[in-house]
C-alpha atoms as a PDB file:
ATOM      1  CA  MET A   1     -10.274  22.488 -20.404  1.00  0.00           C
ATOM      2  CA  ALA A   2      -8.992  22.944 -16.860  1.00  0.00           C
ATOM      3  CA  LYS A   3      -5.244  22.790 -16.363  1.00  0.00           C
ATOM      4  CA  VAL A   4      -3.841  20.714 -13.491  1.00  0.00           C
ATOM      5  CA  LEU A   5      -0.263  21.091 -12.284  1.00  0.00           C
ATOM      6  CA  LEU A   6       0.722  17.708 -10.868  1.00  0.00           C
ATOM      7  CA  VAL A   7       3.880  17.722  -8.728  1.00  0.00           C
ATOM      8  CA  ASP A   8       5.433  14.506  -7.386  1.00  0.00           C
ATOM      9  CA  ASP A   9       8.986  13.166  -7.238  1.00  0.00           C
ATOM     10  CA  ASP A  10       7.642   9.584  -7.445  1.00  0.00           C
ATOM     11  CA  GLU A  11       7.594   8.937 -11.210  1.00  0.00           C
ATOM     12  CA  ASP A  12       5.115   6.048 -10.930  1.00  0.00           C
ATOM     13  CA  MET A  13       2.660   8.083  -8.832  1.00  0.00           C
ATOM     14  CA  LEU A  14       3.101  11.020 -11.217  1.00  0.00           C
ATOM     15  CA  ALA A  15       2.382   8.900 -14.301  1.00  0.00           C
ATOM     16  CA  MET A  16      -0.606   7.102 -12.753  1.00  0.00           C
ATOM     17  CA  SER A  17      -2.223  10.298 -11.440  1.00  0.00           C
ATOM     18  CA  ALA A  18      -1.611  12.069 -14.759  1.00  0.00           C
ATOM     19  CA  ARG A  19      -3.352   9.225 -16.639  1.00  0.00           C
ATOM     20  CA  TRP A  20      -6.383   9.456 -14.354  1.00  0.00           C
ATOM     21  CA  LEU A  21      -6.638  13.220 -14.791  1.00  0.00           C
ATOM     22  CA  GLU A  22      -6.088  13.162 -18.567  1.00  0.00           C
ATOM     23  CA  LYS A  23      -8.748  10.471 -19.039  1.00  0.00           C
ATOM     24  CA  ALA A  24     -11.120  12.681 -17.016  1.00  0.00           C
ATOM     25  CA  GLY A  25     -10.508  15.481 -19.526  1.00  0.00           C
ATOM     26  CA  TYR A  26      -7.969  17.665 -17.745  1.00  0.00           C
ATOM     27  CA  GLU A  27      -4.835  19.135 -19.283  1.00  0.00           C
ATOM     28  CA  VAL A  28      -1.945  17.982 -17.080  1.00  0.00           C
ATOM     29  CA  ILE A  29       1.427  19.606 -16.527  1.00  0.00           C
ATOM     30  CA  LYS A  30       3.835  17.245 -14.750  1.00  0.00           C
ATOM     31  CA  GLU A  31       6.707  18.394 -12.547  1.00  0.00           C
ATOM     32  CA  THR A  32       8.981  16.433 -10.224  1.00  0.00           C
ATOM     33  CA  SER A  33      10.222  19.250  -7.979  1.00  0.00           C
ATOM     34  CA  GLY A  34       9.062  22.314  -6.109  1.00  0.00           C
ATOM     35  CA  GLN A  35      11.309  24.526  -8.212  1.00  0.00           C
ATOM     36  CA  GLY A  36       9.837  23.040 -11.383  1.00  0.00           C
ATOM     37  CA  ALA A  37       6.330  23.584 -10.047  1.00  0.00           C
ATOM     38  CA  LEU A  38       6.962  27.266  -9.341  1.00  0.00           C
ATOM     39  CA  ALA A  39       8.460  27.778 -12.803  1.00  0.00           C
ATOM     40  CA  ALA A  40       5.530  25.988 -14.469  1.00  0.00           C
ATOM     41  CA  LEU A  41       3.020  28.083 -12.529  1.00  0.00           C
ATOM     42  CA  GLU A  42       4.793  31.288 -13.518  1.00  0.00           C
ATOM     43  CA  ASN A  43       5.182  30.320 -17.185  1.00  0.00           C
ATOM     44  CA  GLU A  44       2.119  28.209 -17.975  1.00  0.00           C
ATOM     45  CA  GLY A  45      -0.326  28.844 -15.151  1.00  0.00           C
ATOM     46  CA  ALA A  46      -2.712  26.247 -13.750  1.00  0.00           C
ATOM     47  CA  ASP A  47      -6.254  26.083 -12.442  1.00  0.00           C
ATOM     48  CA  ILE A  48      -5.243  23.797  -9.577  1.00  0.00           C
ATOM     49  CA  VAL A  49      -2.035  22.323  -8.139  1.00  0.00           C
ATOM     50  CA  LEU A  50      -1.764  18.781  -6.764  1.00  0.00           C
ATOM     51  CA  LEU A  51       1.392  18.972  -4.683  1.00  0.00           C
ATOM     52  CA  ASP A  52       3.338  16.142  -3.051  1.00  0.00           C
ATOM     53  CA  TYR A  53       4.385  16.880   0.524  1.00  0.00           C
ATOM     54  CA  ALA A  54       7.644  14.904   0.693  1.00  0.00           C
ATOM     55  CA  MET A  55      10.088  15.828  -2.059  1.00  0.00           C
ATOM     56  CA  PRO A  56      13.870  16.196  -2.024  1.00  0.00           C
ATOM     57  CA  GLY A  57      15.221  19.722  -2.209  1.00  0.00           C
ATOM     58  CA  MET A  58      12.210  21.997  -1.921  1.00  0.00           C
ATOM     59  CA  THR A  59       9.455  20.198   0.016  1.00  0.00           C
ATOM     60  CA  GLY A  60       5.780  20.515  -0.759  1.00  0.00           C
ATOM     61  CA  SER A  61       5.213  22.792   2.211  1.00  0.00           C
ATOM     62  CA  GLU A  62       8.112  25.051   1.147  1.00  0.00           C
ATOM     63  CA  THR A  63       6.653  25.138  -2.366  1.00  0.00           C
ATOM     64  CA  LEU A  64       3.206  26.016  -1.007  1.00  0.00           C
ATOM     65  CA  LYS A  65       4.731  28.833   1.089  1.00  0.00           C
ATOM     66  CA  GLU A  66       6.290  30.256  -2.092  1.00  0.00           C
ATOM     67  CA  ILE A  67       2.992  29.983  -3.978  1.00  0.00           C
ATOM     68  CA  ARG A  68       1.108  31.763  -1.179  1.00  0.00           C
ATOM     69  CA  ALA A  69       3.781  34.486  -0.953  1.00  0.00           C
ATOM     70  CA  ASN A  70       3.601  35.234  -4.697  1.00  0.00           C
ATOM     71  CA  GLU A  71       0.878  37.800  -5.375  1.00  0.00           C
ATOM     72  CA  LYS A  72       0.320  36.453  -8.899  1.00  0.00           C
ATOM     73  CA  LEU A  73      -0.022  32.818  -7.741  1.00  0.00           C
ATOM     74  CA  SER A  74      -1.448  33.102  -4.236  1.00  0.00           C
ATOM     75  CA  GLN A  75      -5.061  32.408  -5.249  1.00  0.00           C
ATOM     76  CA  VAL A  76      -4.340  29.167  -7.145  1.00  0.00           C
ATOM     77  CA  PRO A  77      -6.024  26.276  -5.315  1.00  0.00           C
ATOM     78  CA  VAL A  78      -3.532  23.746  -3.928  1.00  0.00           C
ATOM     79  CA  VAL A  79      -4.243  20.188  -2.804  1.00  0.00           C
ATOM     80  CA  MET A  80      -1.422  18.754  -0.713  1.00  0.00           C
ATOM     81  CA  ARG A  81      -0.916  15.029  -1.263  1.00  0.00           C
ATOM     82  CA  THR A  82       0.997  12.957   1.237  1.00  0.00           C
ATOM     83  CA  GLY A  83       1.863   9.340   1.822  1.00  0.00           C
ATOM     84  CA  MET A  84       2.572  10.030   5.488  1.00  0.00           C
ATOM     85  CA  ASP A  85       0.109   9.882   8.330  1.00  0.00           C
ATOM     86  CA  ASP A  86       1.656  12.184  10.894  1.00  0.00           C
ATOM     87  CA  LYS A  87      -0.175  14.729  13.053  1.00  0.00           C
ATOM     88  CA  GLU A  88       2.803  17.111  13.043  1.00  0.00           C
ATOM     89  CA  ILE A  89       2.904  17.122   9.241  1.00  0.00           C
ATOM     90  CA  ALA A  90      -0.852  17.619   9.064  1.00  0.00           C
ATOM     91  CA  ASP A  91      -0.631  20.606  11.435  1.00  0.00           C
ATOM     92  CA  GLU A  92       2.246  22.138   9.461  1.00  0.00           C
ATOM     93  CA  VAL A  93       0.429  21.737   6.147  1.00  0.00           C
ATOM     94  CA  GLU A  94      -2.909  22.941   7.557  1.00  0.00           C
ATOM     95  CA  ALA A  95      -1.220  26.196   8.664  1.00  0.00           C
ATOM     96  CA  LEU A  96      -0.395  26.891   4.987  1.00  0.00           C
ATOM     97  CA  HIS A  97      -4.085  26.745   4.033  1.00  0.00           C
ATOM     98  CA  PRO A  98      -4.218  24.275   1.179  1.00  0.00           C
ATOM     99  CA  GLN A  99      -7.720  23.707  -0.167  1.00  0.00           C
ATOM    100  CA  LYS A 100      -7.406  20.073   0.899  1.00  0.00           C
ATOM    101  CA  ILE A 101      -4.935  17.545   2.277  1.00  0.00           C
ATOM    102  CA  LEU A 102      -5.332  14.267   0.442  1.00  0.00           C
ATOM    103  CA  PRO A 103      -3.645  11.013   1.437  1.00  0.00           C
ATOM    104  CA  LYS A 104      -1.950   9.347  -1.524  1.00  0.00           C
ATOM    105  CA  SER A 105      -3.644   6.125  -0.459  1.00  0.00           C
ATOM    106  CA  GLU A 106      -6.930   7.583  -1.701  1.00  0.00           C
ATOM    107  CA  GLY A 107      -7.655   6.243  -5.157  1.00  0.00           C
ATOM    108  CA  LYS A 108      -8.718   7.591  -8.502  1.00  0.00           C
ATOM    109  CA  ALA A 109     -12.350   8.302  -7.612  1.00  0.00           C
ATOM    110  CA  VAL A 110     -11.481  10.446  -4.587  1.00  0.00           C
ATOM    111  CA  LEU A 111      -8.726  12.334  -6.421  1.00  0.00           C
ATOM    112  CA  LEU A 112     -11.007  13.160  -9.358  1.00  0.00           C
ATOM    113  CA  ALA A 113     -13.879  14.103  -7.032  1.00  0.00           C
ATOM    114  CA  VAL A 114     -11.669  16.516  -5.070  1.00  0.00           C
ATOM    115  CA  VAL A 115     -10.359  18.154  -8.237  1.00  0.00           C
ATOM    116  CA  ALA A 116     -13.870  18.476  -9.689  1.00  0.00           C
ATOM    117  CA  GLU A 117     -15.227  19.887  -6.420  1.00  0.00           C
ATOM    118  CA  ILE A 118     -12.503  22.543  -6.113  1.00  0.00           C
ATOM    119  CA  LEU A 119     -12.714  23.563  -9.771  1.00  0.00           C
ATOM    120  CA  GLY A 120     -16.497  23.742  -9.487  1.00  0.00           C
END
């Protein structure tokens, strides 16, 4: 069973996305912060990370920079999720080389398809 690390400070979005993934047969680890995500990756590992862009404290892009800088974690696929539609944000995130940038407005079918595609 593939393990998905789901990171979002929005509790409702976190719970809804986790339900979708669990019903699709994935093991889900939920975190609400960048720091929590890094600790979970170090301690539990994950096959893919779904990472919110806008979070208080450590942002999604800061978290992704840390993941990419960590030799042990750098190859973990990361999908950046954002509720914002801003070219500057897209350019910043793109420079960090996530596997995909996914608008939060995309629903269950798209989210599950992206995860399935990346995990092969």
